[in-house]
């Protein structure tokens, strides 16, 4: 997954539009800029990644789980949209 995402990031950095379809909310949260959430074949949300995964009711409707990093940030009351990965989270926690 990491190698595939490196390739997709390099394509995005070249100015190409990259669309990834996945139920892996952790992957979407870490690498995505925007997210389109669907339920029963209908778009129910199209927004920034950070906004999409803060809506528990919407996640339930779409049968999605909250990304792990987002859950930890919410639990620890960390308000930082730049924290997208476990490595980012560890750095913030360790450097307090």
N, C-alpha and C. Protein backbone atom coordinates (compact mmCIF):
# COMPACT_ATOMS: atom_id res chain seq x y z
N UNK A 1 0.82 -1.19 0.00
CA UNK A 1 0.00 0.00 0.00
C UNK A 1 0.87 1.26 0.00
N UNK A 2 1.91 1.26 0.85
CA UNK A 2 2.79 2.44 0.93
C UNK A 2 3.45 2.71 -0.42
N UNK A 3 3.91 1.65 -1.10
CA UNK A 3 4.57 1.84 -2.40
C UNK A 3 3.58 2.38 -3.44
N UNK A 4 2.37 1.85 -3.44
CA UNK A 4 1.35 2.33 -4.38
C UNK A 4 1.02 3.79 -4.10
N UNK A 5 0.92 4.15 -2.83
CA UNK A 5 0.60 5.54 -2.49
C UNK A 5 1.75 6.47 -2.87
N UNK A 6 3.00 6.01 -2.75
CA UNK A 6 4.14 6.83 -3.19
C UNK A 6 4.02 7.14 -4.69
N UNK A 7 3.65 6.12 -5.46
CA UNK A 7 3.47 6.31 -6.90
C UNK A 7 2.35 7.31 -7.17
N UNK A 8 1.23 7.16 -6.49
CA UNK A 8 0.10 8.06 -6.70
C UNK A 8 0.42 9.49 -6.28
N UNK A 9 1.18 9.63 -5.20
CA UNK A 9 1.59 10.96 -4.76
C UNK A 9 2.51 11.60 -5.79
N UNK A 10 3.42 10.82 -6.37
CA UNK A 10 4.31 11.38 -7.38
C UNK A 10 3.52 11.83 -8.61
N UNK A 11 2.49 11.09 -8.98
CA UNK A 11 1.63 11.49 -10.10
C UNK A 11 0.88 12.78 -9.75
N UNK A 12 0.36 12.86 -8.53
CA UNK A 12 -0.34 14.07 -8.09
C UNK A 12 0.62 15.26 -8.09
N UNK A 13 1.86 15.05 -7.66
CA UNK A 13 2.85 16.13 -7.64
C UNK A 13 3.23 16.60 -9.04
N UNK A 14 2.98 15.75 -10.05
CA UNK A 14 3.21 16.13 -11.44
C UNK A 14 2.01 16.87 -12.01
N UNK A 15 0.99 17.10 -11.18
CA UNK A 15 -0.19 17.84 -11.63
C UNK A 15 -1.31 16.98 -12.16
N UNK A 16 -1.18 15.67 -12.02
CA UNK A 16 -2.22 14.77 -12.50
C UNK A 16 -3.29 14.58 -11.42
N UNK A 17 -4.54 14.44 -11.86
CA UNK A 17 -5.64 14.16 -10.94
C UNK A 17 -5.59 12.68 -10.58
N UNK A 18 -5.61 12.38 -9.29
CA UNK A 18 -5.58 10.99 -8.83
C UNK A 18 -6.86 10.73 -8.06
N UNK A 19 -7.59 9.70 -8.47
CA UNK A 19 -8.81 9.30 -7.79
C UNK A 19 -8.61 7.89 -7.26
N UNK A 20 -8.86 7.70 -5.98
CA UNK A 20 -8.74 6.39 -5.35
C UNK A 20 -10.11 6.03 -4.79
N UNK A 21 -10.56 4.83 -5.08
CA UNK A 21 -11.82 4.34 -4.55
C UNK A 21 -11.49 3.28 -3.51
N UNK A 22 -11.96 3.51 -2.27
CA UNK A 22 -11.59 2.60 -1.20
C UNK A 22 -12.58 2.69 -0.04
N UNK A 23 -12.72 1.59 0.68
CA UNK A 23 -13.44 1.59 1.95
C UNK A 23 -12.48 1.75 3.12
N UNK A 24 -11.20 1.84 2.83
CA UNK A 24 -10.16 1.97 3.86
C UNK A 24 -10.09 3.43 4.32
N UNK A 25 -10.80 3.74 5.38
CA UNK A 25 -10.86 5.13 5.84
C UNK A 25 -9.51 5.63 6.35
N UNK A 26 -8.69 4.74 6.88
CA UNK A 26 -7.35 5.15 7.32
C UNK A 26 -6.52 5.63 6.13
N UNK A 27 -6.57 4.90 5.03
CA UNK A 27 -5.86 5.28 3.82
C UNK A 27 -6.38 6.62 3.28
N UNK A 28 -7.68 6.75 3.21
CA UNK A 28 -8.29 7.99 2.72
C UNK A 28 -7.91 9.18 3.60
N UNK A 29 -7.93 8.96 4.89
CA UNK A 29 -7.63 10.04 5.84
C UNK A 29 -6.17 10.48 5.71
N UNK A 30 -5.26 9.52 5.59
CA UNK A 30 -3.84 9.85 5.54
C UNK A 30 -3.43 10.50 4.22
N UNK A 31 -3.97 10.02 3.12
CA UNK A 31 -3.48 10.47 1.82
C UNK A 31 -4.42 11.39 1.05
N UNK A 32 -5.68 11.40 1.41
CA UNK A 32 -6.64 12.15 0.62
C UNK A 32 -6.72 13.63 0.96
N UNK A 33 -7.16 14.40 -0.02
CA UNK A 33 -7.45 15.82 0.18
C UNK A 33 -8.96 16.01 0.32
N UNK A 34 -9.67 15.32 -0.54
CA UNK A 34 -11.14 15.39 -0.53
C UNK A 34 -11.68 13.96 -0.49
N UNK A 35 -12.92 13.85 -0.08
CA UNK A 35 -13.55 12.53 -0.03
C UNK A 35 -15.00 12.67 -0.49
N UNK A 36 -15.43 11.69 -1.25
CA UNK A 36 -16.83 11.59 -1.63
C UNK A 36 -17.35 10.34 -0.94
N UNK A 37 -18.36 10.51 -0.11
CA UNK A 37 -18.95 9.40 0.63
C UNK A 37 -20.27 9.04 -0.03
N UNK A 38 -20.44 7.73 -0.27
CA UNK A 38 -21.66 7.26 -0.91
C UNK A 38 -22.40 6.28 -0.01
N UNK A 39 -23.70 6.25 -0.19
CA UNK A 39 -24.54 5.29 0.51
C UNK A 39 -25.68 4.91 -0.42
N UNK A 40 -25.89 3.63 -0.61
CA UNK A 40 -26.94 3.12 -1.50
C UNK A 40 -26.85 3.73 -2.90
N UNK A 41 -25.62 3.89 -3.39
CA UNK A 41 -25.42 4.41 -4.74
C UNK A 41 -25.57 5.91 -4.89
N UNK A 42 -25.78 6.61 -3.79
CA UNK A 42 -25.97 8.06 -3.83
C UNK A 42 -24.84 8.77 -3.10
N UNK A 43 -24.40 9.90 -3.65
CA UNK A 43 -23.41 10.73 -2.97
C UNK A 43 -24.10 11.40 -1.79
N UNK A 44 -23.56 11.19 -0.58
CA UNK A 44 -24.13 11.83 0.59
C UNK A 44 -23.22 12.89 1.18
N UNK A 45 -21.97 12.95 0.67
CA UNK A 45 -21.06 13.99 1.13
C UNK A 45 -19.89 14.11 0.16
N UNK A 46 -19.49 15.35 -0.11
CA UNK A 46 -18.32 15.64 -0.93
C UNK A 46 -17.63 16.82 -0.25
N UNK A 47 -16.52 16.56 0.44
CA UNK A 47 -15.90 17.60 1.24
C UNK A 47 -14.43 17.29 1.51
N UNK A 48 -13.79 18.15 2.29
CA UNK A 48 -12.42 17.89 2.73
C UNK A 48 -12.41 16.67 3.63
N UNK A 49 -11.31 15.93 3.58
CA UNK A 49 -11.18 14.69 4.36
C UNK A 49 -11.43 14.94 5.85
N UNK A 50 -10.82 16.01 6.38
CA UNK A 50 -10.93 16.28 7.82
C UNK A 50 -12.38 16.47 8.26
N UNK A 51 -13.19 17.08 7.41
CA UNK A 51 -14.60 17.32 7.75
C UNK A 51 -15.43 16.05 7.65
N UNK A 52 -15.14 15.23 6.68
CA UNK A 52 -15.95 14.03 6.44
C UNK A 52 -15.89 13.05 7.60
N UNK A 53 -14.71 12.87 8.17
CA UNK A 53 -14.56 11.82 9.16
C UNK A 53 -14.86 12.29 10.59
N UNK A 54 -15.31 13.52 10.74
CA UNK A 54 -15.75 14.00 12.05
C UNK A 54 -17.25 13.80 12.25
N UNK A 55 -17.93 13.28 11.25
CA UNK A 55 -19.38 13.13 11.29
C UNK A 55 -19.74 11.66 11.54
N UNK A 56 -19.93 11.31 12.82
CA UNK A 56 -20.20 9.91 13.19
C UNK A 56 -21.49 9.38 12.57
N UNK A 57 -22.51 10.23 12.52
CA UNK A 57 -23.80 9.81 11.96
C UNK A 57 -23.66 9.45 10.47
N UNK A 58 -22.91 10.26 9.76
CA UNK A 58 -22.68 10.02 8.34
C UNK A 58 -21.87 8.75 8.12
N UNK A 59 -20.84 8.55 8.93
CA UNK A 59 -20.01 7.34 8.82
C UNK A 59 -20.87 6.09 9.02
N UNK A 60 -21.74 6.15 9.99
CA UNK A 60 -22.61 5.01 10.27
C UNK A 60 -23.55 4.75 9.08
N UNK A 61 -24.11 5.83 8.53
CA UNK A 61 -25.02 5.69 7.39
C UNK A 61 -24.31 5.05 6.20
N UNK A 62 -23.04 5.36 6.02
CA UNK A 62 -22.27 4.82 4.90
C UNK A 62 -21.55 3.52 5.25
N UNK A 63 -21.78 3.00 6.45
CA UNK A 63 -21.14 1.77 6.93
C UNK A 63 -19.62 1.87 6.91
N UNK A 64 -19.11 3.02 7.34
CA UNK A 64 -17.67 3.25 7.41
C UNK A 64 -17.24 3.42 8.86
N UNK A 65 -16.01 3.08 9.14
CA UNK A 65 -15.47 3.27 10.48
C UNK A 65 -14.61 4.53 10.50
N UNK A 66 -14.57 5.17 11.64
CA UNK A 66 -13.75 6.37 11.80
C UNK A 66 -12.28 5.99 11.68
N UNK A 67 -11.50 6.77 10.95
CA UNK A 67 -10.07 6.49 10.86
C UNK A 67 -9.43 6.49 12.24
N UNK A 68 -8.49 5.58 12.45
CA UNK A 68 -7.85 5.42 13.76
C UNK A 68 -7.23 6.73 14.26
N UNK A 69 -6.47 7.41 13.39
CA UNK A 69 -5.78 8.65 13.79
C UNK A 69 -6.80 9.71 14.19
N UNK A 70 -7.89 9.80 13.46
CA UNK A 70 -8.93 10.77 13.79
C UNK A 70 -9.56 10.45 15.15
N UNK A 71 -9.78 9.17 15.40
CA UNK A 71 -10.37 8.74 16.67
C UNK A 71 -9.45 9.11 17.84
N UNK A 72 -8.16 8.87 17.69
CA UNK A 72 -7.19 9.21 18.74
C UNK A 72 -7.15 10.72 18.95
N UNK A 73 -7.11 11.49 17.85
CA UNK A 73 -7.10 12.95 17.96
C UNK A 73 -8.35 13.44 18.71
N UNK A 74 -9.50 12.89 18.35
CA UNK A 74 -10.76 13.29 19.01
C UNK A 74 -10.73 12.92 20.48
N UNK A 75 -10.26 11.73 20.80
CA UNK A 75 -10.21 11.26 22.18
C UNK A 75 -9.27 12.11 23.02
N UNK A 76 -8.13 12.49 22.44
CA UNK A 76 -7.14 13.30 23.17
C UNK A 76 -7.37 14.81 23.00
N UNK A 77 -8.44 15.16 22.29
CA UNK A 77 -8.79 16.56 22.04
C UNK A 77 -7.64 17.32 21.36
N UNK A 78 -7.06 16.70 20.34
CA UNK A 78 -5.99 17.32 19.56
C UNK A 78 -6.62 17.98 18.34
N UNK A 79 -6.48 19.28 18.25
CA UNK A 79 -7.06 20.04 17.13
C UNK A 79 -5.95 20.41 16.16
N UNK A 80 -5.60 19.51 15.27
CA UNK A 80 -4.53 19.76 14.32
C UNK A 80 -4.82 18.97 13.04
N UNK A 81 -5.26 19.67 11.99
CA UNK A 81 -5.61 19.01 10.73
C UNK A 81 -4.40 18.51 9.96
N UNK A 82 -3.20 18.89 10.37
CA UNK A 82 -2.00 18.42 9.67
C UNK A 82 -1.59 17.02 10.12
N UNK A 83 -2.16 16.54 11.23
CA UNK A 83 -1.88 15.18 11.70
C UNK A 83 -2.76 14.22 10.90
N UNK A 84 -2.12 13.45 10.01
CA UNK A 84 -2.86 12.56 9.12
C UNK A 84 -2.47 11.10 9.26
N UNK A 85 -1.31 10.85 9.89
CA UNK A 85 -0.82 9.47 9.97
C UNK A 85 -0.42 9.14 11.41
N UNK A 86 -0.17 7.88 11.65
CA UNK A 86 0.29 7.45 12.97
C UNK A 86 1.64 8.07 13.27
N UNK A 87 2.50 8.18 12.27
CA UNK A 87 3.81 8.81 12.48
C UNK A 87 3.65 10.27 12.89
N UNK A 88 2.74 11.00 12.24
CA UNK A 88 2.46 12.40 12.62
C UNK A 88 1.98 12.47 14.07
N UNK A 89 1.09 11.56 14.41
CA UNK A 89 0.51 11.53 15.76
C UNK A 89 1.58 11.24 16.80
N UNK A 90 2.45 10.26 16.52
CA UNK A 90 3.52 9.93 17.46
C UNK A 90 4.44 11.13 17.68
N UNK A 91 4.74 11.84 16.62
CA UNK A 91 5.62 13.01 16.73
C UNK A 91 5.01 14.09 17.62
N UNK A 92 3.73 14.35 17.45
CA UNK A 92 3.05 15.35 18.27
C UNK A 92 2.99 14.92 19.73
N UNK A 93 2.67 13.67 19.97
CA UNK A 93 2.57 13.15 21.34
C UNK A 93 3.94 13.17 22.01
N UNK A 94 4.98 12.73 21.31
CA UNK A 94 6.32 12.68 21.87
C UNK A 94 6.92 14.05 22.11
N UNK A 95 6.58 15.02 21.25
CA UNK A 95 7.14 16.36 21.38
C UNK A 95 6.21 17.31 22.13
N UNK A 96 5.05 16.78 22.53
CA UNK A 96 4.08 17.47 23.36
C UNK A 96 3.74 18.84 23.04
